[in-house]
Amino acid sequence: MTSSKLLSRAGTEAQARRGARGCRIQQEAQFIEEKKPSWDAVAINPPYVLGEIIHQCDKPESLNTSVAAFYE
């Protein structure tokens, strides 16, 4: 399923980063197709995007996967 379909299905509950990534990939492909530049386009997608823990967590076992990896 494309990002556009996922975003339209999720509405305001959609994850902004996931949608932005999908839109960027589409725009990049369109640019390459139209302009045919002499250089290569490369996308670097980080495996984790970390930030402050925004949910209440009473014990380490309650941490989500990405935060728990750094806790350990």
Protein backbone atom coordinates (compact mmCIF):
# COMPACT_ATOMS: atom_id res chain seq x y z
CA MET A 1 0.00 0.00 0.00
CA THR A 2 1.37 3.42 -0.89
CA SER A 3 2.01 6.15 1.66
CA SER A 4 -0.72 8.26 0.07
CA LYS A 5 -3.30 5.53 0.65
CA LEU A 6 -2.10 4.95 4.19
CA LEU A 7 -2.30 8.67 4.96
CA SER A 8 -5.78 9.05 3.52
CA ARG A 9 -6.95 6.03 5.53
CA ALA A 10 -5.38 7.21 8.79
CA GLY A 11 -6.46 10.85 8.47
CA THR A 12 -5.35 13.03 11.37
CA GLU A 13 -3.94 9.99 13.17
CA ALA A 14 -1.27 9.49 10.49
CA GLN A 15 2.38 9.63 11.44
CA ALA A 16 3.83 12.81 9.95
CA ARG A 17 7.33 11.42 9.45
CA ARG A 18 6.07 8.37 7.58
CA GLY A 19 3.94 10.53 5.31
CA ALA A 20 6.71 13.03 4.69
CA ARG A 21 9.09 10.24 3.74
CA GLY A 22 6.62 8.82 1.23
CA CYS A 23 5.98 12.23 -0.31
CA ARG A 24 9.71 12.91 -0.54
CA ILE A 25 10.32 9.61 -2.32
CA GLN A 26 7.57 10.38 -4.84
CA GLN A 27 8.89 13.90 -5.45
CA GLU A 28 12.43 12.58 -5.90
CA ALA A 29 11.30 9.99 -8.45
CA GLN A 30 9.31 12.61 -10.35
CA PHE A 31 12.27 15.01 -10.38
CA ILE A 32 14.66 12.32 -11.67
CA GLU A 33 12.19 11.28 -14.37
CA GLU A 34 11.56 14.84 -15.59
CA LYS A 35 15.00 16.48 -15.24
CA LYS A 36 17.26 13.47 -15.88
CA PRO A 37 20.18 14.99 -13.93
CA SER A 38 23.75 13.82 -14.45
CA TRP A 39 24.05 12.94 -10.76
CA ASP A 40 22.55 10.20 -8.60
CA ALA A 41 19.96 10.85 -5.91
CA VAL A 42 20.55 9.07 -2.61
CA ALA A 43 18.21 8.85 0.37
CA ILE A 44 19.60 8.19 3.82
CA ASN A 45 16.91 6.95 6.18
CA PRO A 46 18.00 6.59 9.80
CA PRO A 47 17.03 3.34 11.51
CA TYR A 48 15.86 5.24 14.59
CA VAL A 49 14.63 8.74 15.18
CA LEU A 50 14.99 9.37 18.88
CA GLY A 51 13.60 11.99 21.12
CA GLU A 52 12.22 12.56 24.54
CA ILE A 53 10.06 9.81 26.06
CA ILE A 54 6.57 11.26 25.83
CA HIS A 55 4.58 8.52 27.54
CA GLN A 56 4.37 7.68 31.23
CA CYS A 57 6.60 4.75 32.10
CA ASP A 58 6.55 3.27 35.60
CA LYS A 59 9.05 0.47 34.99
CA PRO A 60 11.71 -0.39 32.37
CA GLU A 61 9.60 -3.29 31.07
CA SER A 62 7.03 -0.74 29.88
CA LEU A 63 9.47 1.05 27.56
CA ASN A 64 8.86 0.77 23.84
CA THR A 65 11.41 -1.07 21.70
CA SER A 66 13.55 1.87 20.53
CA VAL A 67 13.83 3.47 23.97
CA ALA A 68 14.41 0.10 25.67
CA ALA A 69 17.38 -0.57 23.37
CA PHE A 70 19.12 2.52 24.75
CA TYR A 71 18.07 1.82 28.32
CA GLU A 72 19.70 -1.60 28.21
